[in-house]
Amino acid sequence: MKSLISSVALATLGLASLSACVTPEPCTAEWVEWRTDKVLTRFANANSGTIRTLRDISGDMDAPGPLLAMRIAMAVNDVDDLTSDFRRIVLPELNSAIAQCSQPRHFVPAFTQFLRKEGVGEDVIEWIEVLGYLAAEQNQF
C-alpha cells in the first residue's frame, strides 16, 4: 500500500512538473504573459545590480540632497546601459513574439512596466521616462 501511495505521489509530481514545462498556445493572453515573463526574468537577473540601485534611489527621492544628486549622476550611465540593453536584447524578442499576433510594442511603456514590476518607485520611473522620451527625440532609441 505504501509503495502504491509513493508511486501515485511520484506520478503526480511528474505530471505537475511536466505541465509546468508546457508552452501556452501562441497569441493567447497566457502565452504573451509567459513569453514576456521569460524574457524579462532573464534581463532582470542579468541587470540586478542596476535595478537594485534604482530601487535604492527611489526610496531616497523624498529627501533630496547632495548625496542623492551624486547617486543619480552616477546612475545615469547605468540607466543608459540598462535602456540600451533593453532595446537591444529584450525588445527584439518581445517584438518577434508579439509580431506573431500583430500587436506592436513600444519601448518606453514596456521598459517602465518592467521597472515597476521590479519594484522601482514611480519617482525614479518618471525620471527615466523623461530621459527615454528625450533620447527618443534624439533618435537614440
Protein backbone atom coordinates (compact mmCIF):
# COMPACT_ATOMS: atom_id res chain seq x y z
CA MET A 1 0.00 0.00 0.00
CA LYS A 2 2.84 2.37 0.92
CA SER A 3 4.57 1.75 -2.41
CA LEU A 4 1.31 2.40 -4.29
CA ILE A 5 0.90 5.75 -2.48
CA SER A 6 4.55 6.58 -3.21
CA SER A 7 4.08 5.70 -6.88
CA VAL A 8 0.96 7.86 -7.13
CA ALA A 9 2.74 10.74 -5.41
CA LEU A 10 5.72 10.47 -7.78
CA ALA A 11 3.44 10.29 -10.80
CA THR A 12 1.55 13.35 -9.61
CA LEU A 13 4.80 15.27 -9.12
CA GLY A 14 5.96 14.18 -12.56
CA LEU A 15 2.74 15.39 -14.17
CA ALA A 16 2.91 18.67 -12.28
CA SER A 17 6.47 19.32 -13.42
CA LEU A 18 5.59 18.29 -16.98
CA SER A 19 2.62 20.66 -17.05
CA ALA A 20 4.87 23.48 -15.83
CA CYS A 21 7.00 22.99 -18.97
CA VAL A 22 4.06 23.15 -21.35
CA THR A 23 4.10 26.26 -23.51
CA PRO A 24 0.77 28.09 -23.66
CA GLU A 25 -0.91 28.33 -27.05
CA PRO A 26 0.55 31.25 -29.06
CA CYS A 27 -1.24 34.59 -29.11
CA THR A 28 -3.34 33.86 -26.06
CA ALA A 29 -3.09 36.20 -23.08
CA GLU A 30 -1.33 33.41 -21.16
CA TRP A 31 1.23 32.97 -23.92
CA VAL A 32 2.01 36.69 -24.12
CA GLU A 33 2.44 36.83 -20.35
CA TRP A 34 4.55 33.63 -20.32
CA ARG A 35 6.82 34.85 -23.12
CA THR A 36 7.20 38.32 -21.61
CA ASP A 37 7.98 36.94 -18.15
CA LYS A 38 10.56 34.57 -19.59
CA VAL A 39 12.40 37.36 -21.43
CA LEU A 40 12.15 39.90 -18.60
CA THR A 41 13.26 37.43 -15.93
CA ARG A 42 16.50 36.77 -17.82
CA PHE A 43 17.02 40.50 -18.29
CA ALA A 44 16.29 41.28 -14.62
CA ASN A 45 18.74 38.64 -13.45
CA ALA A 46 21.46 39.97 -15.74
CA ASN A 47 20.91 43.55 -14.54
CA SER A 48 20.08 43.02 -10.89
CA GLY A 49 22.73 45.46 -9.61
CA THR A 50 21.42 48.43 -11.61
CA ILE A 51 17.83 47.59 -10.72
CA ARG A 52 18.78 47.42 -7.03
CA THR A 53 20.44 50.85 -7.34
CA LEU A 54 17.29 52.31 -8.91
CA ARG A 55 15.17 50.83 -6.10
CA ASP A 56 17.50 52.38 -3.52
CA ILE A 57 17.38 55.78 -5.21
CA SER A 58 13.56 55.58 -5.33
CA GLY A 59 13.45 55.36 -1.57
CA ASP A 60 15.58 58.48 -1.21
CA MET A 61 13.84 60.78 -3.72
CA ASP A 62 11.67 62.34 -0.99
CA ALA A 63 14.75 63.72 0.77
CA PRO A 64 16.86 65.38 -1.94
CA GLY A 65 20.34 66.47 -1.10
CA PRO A 66 23.91 66.44 -2.38
CA LEU A 67 24.37 62.70 -1.73
CA LEU A 68 21.22 61.85 -3.71
CA ALA A 69 22.34 64.14 -6.54
CA MET A 70 25.67 62.29 -6.69
CA ARG A 71 23.93 58.90 -6.67
CA ILE A 72 21.64 59.98 -9.51
CA ALA A 73 24.57 61.35 -11.51
CA MET A 74 26.43 58.08 -11.06
CA ALA A 75 23.32 56.09 -12.03
CA VAL A 76 22.77 57.93 -15.32
CA ASN A 77 25.38 55.85 -17.17
CA ASP A 78 23.98 52.66 -15.67
CA VAL A 79 20.47 53.66 -16.78
CA ASP A 80 21.80 54.40 -20.26
CA ASP A 81 23.38 50.93 -20.38
CA LEU A 82 20.22 49.34 -18.98
CA THR A 83 17.97 51.04 -21.54
CA SER A 84 20.39 50.22 -24.35
CA ASP A 85 20.47 46.54 -23.32
CA PHE A 86 16.68 46.53 -23.00
CA ARG A 87 16.35 47.95 -26.50
CA ARG A 88 19.00 45.63 -27.96
CA ILE A 89 18.10 42.37 -26.17
CA VAL A 90 14.56 42.45 -24.81
CA LEU A 91 12.62 44.43 -27.41
CA PRO A 92 13.59 42.29 -30.41
CA GLU A 93 12.47 39.17 -28.54
CA LEU A 94 9.22 40.77 -27.40
CA ASN A 95 8.54 42.30 -30.80
CA SER A 96 9.20 38.99 -32.51
CA ALA A 97 6.82 37.20 -30.19
CA ILE A 98 4.16 39.87 -30.39
CA ALA A 99 4.53 40.19 -34.19
CA GLN A 100 3.10 36.69 -34.43
CA CYS A 101 -0.09 38.16 -33.03
CA SER A 102 0.04 41.54 -34.82
CA GLN A 103 0.23 43.56 -31.60
CA PRO A 104 3.01 46.18 -31.67
CA ARG A 105 5.03 47.07 -28.55
CA HIS A 106 6.69 50.39 -27.83
CA PHE A 107 9.96 50.86 -25.97
CA VAL A 108 9.25 53.31 -23.15
CA PRO A 109 5.97 51.76 -21.88
CA ALA A 110 7.46 48.24 -21.95
CA PHE A 111 10.59 49.37 -20.13
CA THR A 112 8.79 51.34 -17.43
CA GLN A 113 6.33 48.48 -16.90
CA PHE A 114 9.33 46.19 -16.39
CA LEU A 115 10.83 48.59 -13.83
CA ARG A 116 7.52 48.81 -11.92
CA LYS A 117 7.38 45.03 -11.71
CA GLU A 118 10.94 45.06 -10.36
CA GLY A 119 9.91 47.43 -7.54
CA VAL A 120 11.43 50.67 -8.81
CA GLY A 121 9.47 53.65 -7.44
CA GLU A 122 7.31 55.96 -9.53
CA ASP A 123 9.58 58.92 -8.78
CA VAL A 124 12.54 57.24 -10.47
CA ILE A 125 10.35 55.83 -13.26
CA GLU A 126 9.14 59.34 -14.09
CA TRP A 127 12.77 60.48 -14.27
CA ILE A 128 13.64 57.54 -16.57
CA GLU A 129 10.58 58.23 -18.74
CA VAL A 130 11.77 61.78 -19.28
CA LEU A 131 15.23 60.50 -20.22
CA GLY A 132 13.60 57.94 -22.52
CA TYR A 133 11.47 60.47 -24.31
CA LEU A 134 14.39 62.88 -24.68
CA ALA A 135 16.57 60.12 -26.12
CA ALA A 136 13.74 59.05 -28.45
CA GLU A 137 13.52 62.60 -29.73
CA GLN A 138 17.24 62.44 -30.49
CA ASN A 139 16.66 59.10 -32.34
CA GLN A 140 18.76 57.14 -29.87
CA PHE A 141 16.01 54.53 -29.39
